[in-house]
Amino acid sequence: MKLTIRKATDLKAARWAGGTTTQLAIWPESAEYTKFNFQFRISRATVEIEESTFTFMPGVKRHLMILDGALHIDHKGRYRKQLDKFGYDIFDGEWPTTARGKVTDFNLMTRGKTTGKLQALVLGDRKETTLDFERSTTHSSFYVVSGQIRLICGSHAATLKKGDFAFLEHEQEEAIVHMQAIAESEIIAASVKL
C-alpha cells in the first residue's frame, strides 16, 4: 500500500476558458490529460462565469460534485438537474452539456473499464469514521474541503488540513481507512476500480 500526500500549498491551478482547474491525481502517473490517455483523473475546478459549456470528452465518464455554490446542469435531450453543495451527477463526457452558476467543484473522470464513485463526509469536532474498501478497489483518495483530519491506513498516518489531498494505492489489498476530525471537517472520498 502506498500513500501520497499533496499539500494545498503545493497544488497548482491552471486556467481554462471559464475558470481554473487543479489536477489532484492522474493514472497512470505518466498520462496526460490533454491526450486522453488516462484511466482516471481527479481534479478540483472553479467555474467563474455564469453560463458554461462542458468540454466534449468521448469515452470519458464524468463524476461531478459541488463543493461551493450551486449549478443548474442541462444534458441536452436527456435531463436537467440542480446541484447544490455536495450535489452529485454522473454523465458521459460526450453528452452535449451546459450549466448555469458559479461554483467550485470536485471531479472524477474515468475511461474504459475503470469505474469510480465520490462520497461526501461531514465529521463533527473529534468525531471519527472508518471506510472499508473491498479488495477490488485499486485506489482511493481524500480531499479536505474544510477543517482538519487525522488519516490512518495500516502503518500510514497523516494530518490533513483544508485543501490537502491524500492518494492511496491499494495494490490489491483490502484497505481500511480511519479518519478522526481534529476540528469539524468536510471531506470528499473518491474510490476507483481499474
C-alpha atoms as a PDB file:
ATOM      1  CA  MET A   1       0.000   0.000   0.000  1.00  0.00           C
ATOM      2  CA  LYS A   2       1.313   3.442  -0.886  1.00  0.00           C
ATOM      3  CA  LEU A   3       0.112   6.797   0.478  1.00  0.00           C
ATOM      4  CA  THR A   4       0.949  10.102  -1.208  1.00  0.00           C
ATOM      5  CA  ILE A   5       0.098  13.450   0.407  1.00  0.00           C
ATOM      6  CA  ARG A   6      -0.261  16.611  -1.651  1.00  0.00           C
ATOM      7  CA  LYS A   7      -0.463  19.750   0.460  1.00  0.00           C
ATOM      8  CA  ALA A   8      -2.695  22.628  -0.626  1.00  0.00           C
ATOM      9  CA  THR A   9       0.358  24.887  -0.901  1.00  0.00           C
ATOM     10  CA  ASP A  10       1.942  22.534  -3.471  1.00  0.00           C
ATOM     11  CA  LEU A  11      -1.091  22.250  -5.767  1.00  0.00           C
ATOM     12  CA  LYS A  12      -1.004  24.338  -8.945  1.00  0.00           C
ATOM     13  CA  ALA A  13      -4.095  25.695 -10.683  1.00  0.00           C
ATOM     14  CA  ALA A  14      -4.300  26.110 -14.464  1.00  0.00           C
ATOM     15  CA  ARG A  15      -6.699  28.367 -16.371  1.00  0.00           C
ATOM     16  CA  TRP A  16      -9.483  27.083 -18.576  1.00  0.00           C
ATOM     17  CA  ALA A  17     -11.994  29.186 -20.538  1.00  0.00           C
ATOM     18  CA  GLY A  18     -14.385  29.554 -17.589  1.00  0.00           C
ATOM     19  CA  GLY A  19     -12.167  29.428 -14.502  1.00  0.00           C
ATOM     20  CA  THR A  20      -9.393  27.276 -13.039  1.00  0.00           C
ATOM     21  CA  THR A  21      -8.632  23.569 -12.731  1.00  0.00           C
ATOM     22  CA  THR A  22      -6.257  21.856 -10.320  1.00  0.00           C
ATOM     23  CA  GLN A  23      -5.187  18.301 -11.087  1.00  0.00           C
ATOM     24  CA  LEU A  24      -5.012  16.273  -7.885  1.00  0.00           C
ATOM     25  CA  ALA A  25      -4.210  12.846  -9.378  1.00  0.00           C
ATOM     26  CA  ILE A  26      -3.968  11.113 -12.748  1.00  0.00           C
ATOM     27  CA  TRP A  27      -3.431   7.424 -13.509  1.00  0.00           C
ATOM     28  CA  PRO A  28      -1.173   6.169 -14.812  1.00  0.00           C
ATOM     29  CA  GLU A  29       1.075   8.919 -13.484  1.00  0.00           C
ATOM     30  CA  SER A  30       2.720   9.257 -16.917  1.00  0.00           C
ATOM     31  CA  ALA A  31      -0.651  10.029 -18.562  1.00  0.00           C
ATOM     32  CA  GLU A  32      -1.512  13.460 -19.927  1.00  0.00           C
ATOM     33  CA  TYR A  33      -4.989  14.874 -19.507  1.00  0.00           C
ATOM     34  CA  THR A  34      -4.996  16.627 -22.904  1.00  0.00           C
ATOM     35  CA  LYS A  35      -4.073  13.364 -24.675  1.00  0.00           C
ATOM     36  CA  PHE A  36      -6.949  11.448 -23.022  1.00  0.00           C
ATOM     37  CA  ASN A  37      -4.594   8.541 -22.301  1.00  0.00           C
ATOM     38  CA  PHE A  38      -5.529   8.297 -18.605  1.00  0.00           C
ATOM     39  CA  GLN A  39      -7.528   5.587 -16.844  1.00  0.00           C
ATOM     40  CA  PHE A  40      -8.746   8.122 -14.311  1.00  0.00           C
ATOM     41  CA  ARG A  41      -8.169  11.737 -13.323  1.00  0.00           C
ATOM     42  CA  ILE A  42      -9.163  13.568 -10.140  1.00  0.00           C
ATOM     43  CA  SER A  43      -9.353  17.355 -10.022  1.00  0.00           C
ATOM     44  CA  ARG A  44     -10.863  20.397  -8.371  1.00  0.00           C
ATOM     45  CA  ALA A  45     -12.149  23.254 -10.511  1.00  0.00           C
ATOM     46  CA  THR A  46     -13.781  26.649 -10.329  1.00  0.00           C
ATOM     47  CA  VAL A  47     -16.445  27.953 -12.690  1.00  0.00           C
ATOM     48  CA  GLU A  48     -16.181  31.741 -12.710  1.00  0.00           C
ATOM     49  CA  ILE A  49     -18.668  32.555 -15.489  1.00  0.00           C
ATOM     50  CA  GLU A  50     -22.448  32.409 -15.185  1.00  0.00           C
ATOM     51  CA  GLU A  51     -23.011  30.149 -18.211  1.00  0.00           C
ATOM     52  CA  SER A  52     -20.570  27.439 -19.288  1.00  0.00           C
ATOM     53  CA  THR A  53     -20.328  24.588 -21.795  1.00  0.00           C
ATOM     54  CA  PHE A  54     -18.683  21.317 -20.812  1.00  0.00           C
ATOM     55  CA  THR A  55     -15.759  20.130 -22.922  1.00  0.00           C
ATOM     56  CA  PHE A  56     -16.590  17.263 -25.308  1.00  0.00           C
ATOM     57  CA  MET A  57     -14.832  14.165 -23.905  1.00  0.00           C
ATOM     58  CA  PRO A  58     -15.598  10.994 -25.875  1.00  0.00           C
ATOM     59  CA  GLY A  59     -15.141   7.777 -23.920  1.00  0.00           C
ATOM     60  CA  VAL A  60     -14.983   9.567 -20.556  1.00  0.00           C
ATOM     61  CA  LYS A  61     -17.409   9.036 -17.664  1.00  0.00           C
ATOM     62  CA  ARG A  62     -17.632  12.219 -15.581  1.00  0.00           C
ATOM     63  CA  HIS A  63     -18.412  12.404 -11.863  1.00  0.00           C
ATOM     64  CA  LEU A  64     -19.101  15.944 -10.644  1.00  0.00           C
ATOM     65  CA  MET A  65     -19.715  17.062  -7.049  1.00  0.00           C
ATOM     66  CA  ILE A  66     -20.301  20.651  -5.928  1.00  0.00           C
ATOM     67  CA  LEU A  67     -18.075  21.963  -3.119  1.00  0.00           C
ATOM     68  CA  ASP A  68     -19.348  25.548  -3.037  1.00  0.00           C
ATOM     69  CA  GLY A  69     -22.164  27.367  -4.832  1.00  0.00           C
ATOM     70  CA  ALA A  70     -24.985  25.941  -6.930  1.00  0.00           C
ATOM     71  CA  LEU A  71     -25.073  24.680 -10.516  1.00  0.00           C
ATOM     72  CA  HIS A  72     -28.024  24.049 -12.809  1.00  0.00           C
ATOM     73  CA  ILE A  73     -26.770  21.408 -15.244  1.00  0.00           C
ATOM     74  CA  ASP A  74     -28.514  20.623 -18.551  1.00  0.00           C
ATOM     75  CA  HIS A  75     -27.687  17.472 -20.519  1.00  0.00           C
ATOM     76  CA  LYS A  76     -29.381  18.345 -23.839  1.00  0.00           C
ATOM     77  CA  GLY A  77     -32.197  15.912 -24.663  1.00  0.00           C
ATOM     78  CA  ARG A  78     -31.583  13.858 -21.508  1.00  0.00           C
ATOM     79  CA  TYR A  79     -32.223  15.609 -18.191  1.00  0.00           C
ATOM     80  CA  ARG A  80     -31.643  18.748 -16.159  1.00  0.00           C
ATOM     81  CA  LYS A  81     -30.531  18.808 -12.552  1.00  0.00           C
ATOM     82  CA  GLN A  82     -29.951  21.373  -9.807  1.00  0.00           C
ATOM     83  CA  LEU A  83     -26.752  20.686  -7.866  1.00  0.00           C
ATOM     84  CA  ASP A  84     -26.233  22.389  -4.512  1.00  0.00           C
ATOM     85  CA  LYS A  85     -23.380  21.752  -2.048  1.00  0.00           C
ATOM     86  CA  PHE A  86     -22.328  18.096  -2.260  1.00  0.00           C
ATOM     87  CA  GLY A  87     -24.828  17.568  -5.076  1.00  0.00           C
ATOM     88  CA  TYR A  88     -23.534  14.778  -7.340  1.00  0.00           C
ATOM     89  CA  ASP A  89     -24.033  13.979 -11.022  1.00  0.00           C
ATOM     90  CA  ILE A  90     -22.576  11.216 -13.224  1.00  0.00           C
ATOM     91  CA  PHE A  91     -22.698  11.595 -17.002  1.00  0.00           C
ATOM     92  CA  ASP A  92     -20.973  10.732 -20.263  1.00  0.00           C
ATOM     93  CA  GLY A  93     -18.357  13.204 -21.443  1.00  0.00           C
ATOM     94  CA  GLU A  94     -19.733  13.126 -24.991  1.00  0.00           C
ATOM     95  CA  TRP A  95     -23.177  14.364 -23.944  1.00  0.00           C
ATOM     96  CA  PRO A  96     -23.820  17.992 -25.013  1.00  0.00           C
ATOM     97  CA  THR A  97     -23.896  19.663 -21.585  1.00  0.00           C
ATOM     98  CA  THR A  98     -24.267  23.258 -20.455  1.00  0.00           C
ATOM     99  CA  ALA A  99     -24.555  24.765 -16.983  1.00  0.00           C
ATOM    100  CA  ARG A 100     -25.554  27.934 -15.161  1.00  0.00           C
ATOM    101  CA  GLY A 101     -23.915  29.021 -11.930  1.00  0.00           C
ATOM    102  CA  LYS A 102     -20.565  29.915 -10.416  1.00  0.00           C
ATOM    103  CA  VAL A 103     -19.166  27.058  -8.339  1.00  0.00           C
ATOM    104  CA  THR A 104     -16.174  25.194  -7.001  1.00  0.00           C
ATOM    105  CA  ASP A 105     -16.457  21.516  -7.859  1.00  0.00           C
ATOM    106  CA  PHE A 106     -14.692  18.180  -7.455  1.00  0.00           C
ATOM    107  CA  ASN A 107     -14.249  15.909 -10.456  1.00  0.00           C
ATOM    108  CA  LEU A 108     -13.504  12.262 -11.131  1.00  0.00           C
ATOM    109  CA  MET A 109     -13.084  11.192 -14.768  1.00  0.00           C
ATOM    110  CA  THR A 110     -12.786   7.542 -15.765  1.00  0.00           C
ATOM    111  CA  ARG A 111     -12.111   5.830 -19.095  1.00  0.00           C
ATOM    112  CA  GLY A 112     -12.541   2.306 -20.450  1.00  0.00           C
ATOM    113  CA  LYS A 113     -13.476  -0.316 -17.877  1.00  0.00           C
ATOM    114  CA  THR A 114     -12.395   1.887 -14.969  1.00  0.00           C
ATOM    115  CA  THR A 115     -15.222   2.751 -12.547  1.00  0.00           C
ATOM    116  CA  GLY A 116     -15.383   5.066  -9.570  1.00  0.00           C
ATOM    117  CA  LYS A 117     -17.542   6.963  -7.126  1.00  0.00           C
ATOM    118  CA  LEU A 118     -17.482  10.049  -4.919  1.00  0.00           C
ATOM    119  CA  GLN A 119     -18.733  10.399  -1.366  1.00  0.00           C
ATOM    120  CA  ALA A 120     -19.041  13.490   0.844  1.00  0.00           C
ATOM    121  CA  LEU A 121     -18.270  13.012   4.539  1.00  0.00           C
ATOM    122  CA  VAL A 122     -19.082  15.533   7.272  1.00  0.00           C
ATOM    123  CA  LEU A 123     -17.441  14.914  10.654  1.00  0.00           C
ATOM    124  CA  GLY A 124     -18.139  16.908  13.788  1.00  0.00           C
ATOM    125  CA  ASP A 125     -15.304  18.027  16.062  1.00  0.00           C
ATOM    126  CA  ARG A 126     -13.431  14.942  17.413  1.00  0.00           C
ATOM    127  CA  LYS A 127     -15.794  12.586  15.567  1.00  0.00           C
ATOM    128  CA  GLU A 128     -14.407   9.532  13.790  1.00  0.00           C
ATOM    129  CA  THR A 129     -15.352   7.301  10.881  1.00  0.00           C
ATOM    130  CA  THR A 130     -13.934   4.230   9.165  1.00  0.00           C
ATOM    131  CA  LEU A 131     -14.128   3.389   5.464  1.00  0.00           C
ATOM    132  CA  ASP A 132     -13.632  -0.243   4.478  1.00  0.00           C
ATOM    133  CA  PHE A 133     -12.644  -0.605   0.809  1.00  0.00           C
ATOM    134  CA  GLU A 134     -13.074  -4.006  -0.818  1.00  0.00           C
ATOM    135  CA  ARG A 135     -10.144  -5.764  -2.473  1.00  0.00           C
ATOM    136  CA  SER A 136     -11.309  -4.793  -5.989  1.00  0.00           C
ATOM    137  CA  THR A 137     -10.797  -1.096  -5.152  1.00  0.00           C
ATOM    138  CA  THR A 138      -7.393  -0.163  -6.582  1.00  0.00           C
ATOM    139  CA  HIS A 139      -7.158   3.498  -5.488  1.00  0.00           C
ATOM    140  CA  SER A 140      -8.835   5.814  -3.026  1.00  0.00           C
ATOM    141  CA  SER A 141      -8.329   9.473  -2.249  1.00  0.00           C
ATOM    142  CA  PHE A 142      -9.404  12.064   0.284  1.00  0.00           C
ATOM    143  CA  TYR A 143      -9.730  15.816  -0.243  1.00  0.00           C
ATOM    144  CA  VAL A 144     -10.294  18.076   2.761  1.00  0.00           C
ATOM    145  CA  VAL A 145     -12.897  20.706   1.855  1.00  0.00           C
ATOM    146  CA  SER A 146     -12.825  22.287   5.323  1.00  0.00           C
ATOM    147  CA  GLY A 147     -11.423  21.570   8.776  1.00  0.00           C
ATOM    148  CA  GLN A 148      -8.575  19.233   9.694  1.00  0.00           C
ATOM    149  CA  ILE A 149      -8.392  15.442   9.976  1.00  0.00           C
ATOM    150  CA  ARG A 150      -6.052  12.668  11.052  1.00  0.00           C
ATOM    151  CA  LEU A 151      -5.962   9.902   8.420  1.00  0.00           C
ATOM    152  CA  ILE A 152      -4.758   6.395   9.348  1.00  0.00           C
ATOM    153  CA  CYS A 153      -4.411   3.440   6.975  1.00  0.00           C
ATOM    154  CA  GLY A 154      -2.334   0.474   8.106  1.00  0.00           C
ATOM    155  CA  SER A 155       1.125   1.771   9.019  1.00  0.00           C
ATOM    156  CA  HIS A 156       0.471   5.099   7.259  1.00  0.00           C
ATOM    157  CA  ALA A 157      -0.771   8.197   9.090  1.00  0.00           C
ATOM    158  CA  ALA A 158      -1.082  11.846   8.110  1.00  0.00           C
ATOM    159  CA  THR A 159      -2.686  15.064   9.278  1.00  0.00           C
ATOM    160  CA  LEU A 160      -4.565  16.882   6.528  1.00  0.00           C
ATOM    161  CA  LYS A 161      -5.830  20.465   6.544  1.00  0.00           C
ATOM    162  CA  LYS A 162      -8.207  22.349   4.254  1.00  0.00           C
ATOM    163  CA  GLY A 163      -7.166  21.906   0.613  1.00  0.00           C
ATOM    164  CA  ASP A 164      -4.855  18.932   1.266  1.00  0.00           C
ATOM    165  CA  PHE A 165      -5.209  15.722  -0.762  1.00  0.00           C
ATOM    166  CA  ALA A 166      -4.289  12.132   0.142  1.00  0.00           C
ATOM    167  CA  PHE A 167      -3.918   9.470  -2.581  1.00  0.00           C
ATOM    168  CA  LEU A 168      -3.794   5.778  -1.684  1.00  0.00           C
ATOM    169  CA  GLU A 169      -2.689   2.963  -3.997  1.00  0.00           C
ATOM    170  CA  HIS A 170      -4.214  -0.223  -2.593  1.00  0.00           C
ATOM    171  CA  GLU A 171      -2.010  -2.695  -4.511  1.00  0.00           C
ATOM    172  CA  GLN A 172      -4.666  -5.466  -4.414  1.00  0.00           C
ATOM    173  CA  GLU A 173      -5.063  -5.253  -0.653  1.00  0.00           C
ATOM    174  CA  GLU A 174      -8.251  -4.648   1.284  1.00  0.00           C
ATOM    175  CA  ALA A 175      -7.903  -1.186   2.797  1.00  0.00           C
ATOM    176  CA  ILE A 176      -9.401   0.145   5.995  1.00  0.00           C
ATOM    177  CA  VAL A 177      -9.083   3.907   6.339  1.00  0.00           C
ATOM    178  CA  HIS A 178      -9.767   5.570   9.674  1.00  0.00           C
ATOM    179  CA  MET A 179     -10.441   9.300   9.947  1.00  0.00           C
ATOM    180  CA  GLN A 180     -10.640  11.491  13.025  1.00  0.00           C
ATOM    181  CA  ALA A 181     -11.732  15.109  12.815  1.00  0.00           C
ATOM    182  CA  ILE A 182      -9.354  17.396  14.700  1.00  0.00           C
ATOM    183  CA  ALA A 183     -11.921  20.127  14.023  1.00  0.00           C
ATOM    184  CA  GLU A 184     -15.312  19.958  12.325  1.00  0.00           C
ATOM    185  CA  SER A 185     -14.469  18.779   8.810  1.00  0.00           C
ATOM    186  CA  GLU A 186     -15.852  18.118   5.342  1.00  0.00           C
ATOM    187  CA  ILE A 187     -14.082  15.535   3.185  1.00  0.00           C
ATOM    188  CA  ILE A 188     -14.605  14.155  -0.310  1.00  0.00           C
ATOM    189  CA  ALA A 189     -13.660  10.477  -0.668  1.00  0.00           C
ATOM    190  CA  ALA A 190     -13.114   9.033  -4.135  1.00  0.00           C
ATOM    191  CA  SER A 191     -12.671   5.344  -4.879  1.00  0.00           C
ATOM    192  CA  VAL A 192     -11.627   3.737  -8.164  1.00  0.00           C
ATOM    193  CA  LYS A 193     -11.560   0.225  -9.619  1.00  0.00           C
ATOM    194  CA  LEU A 194      -9.320  -0.331 -12.647  1.00  0.00           C
END
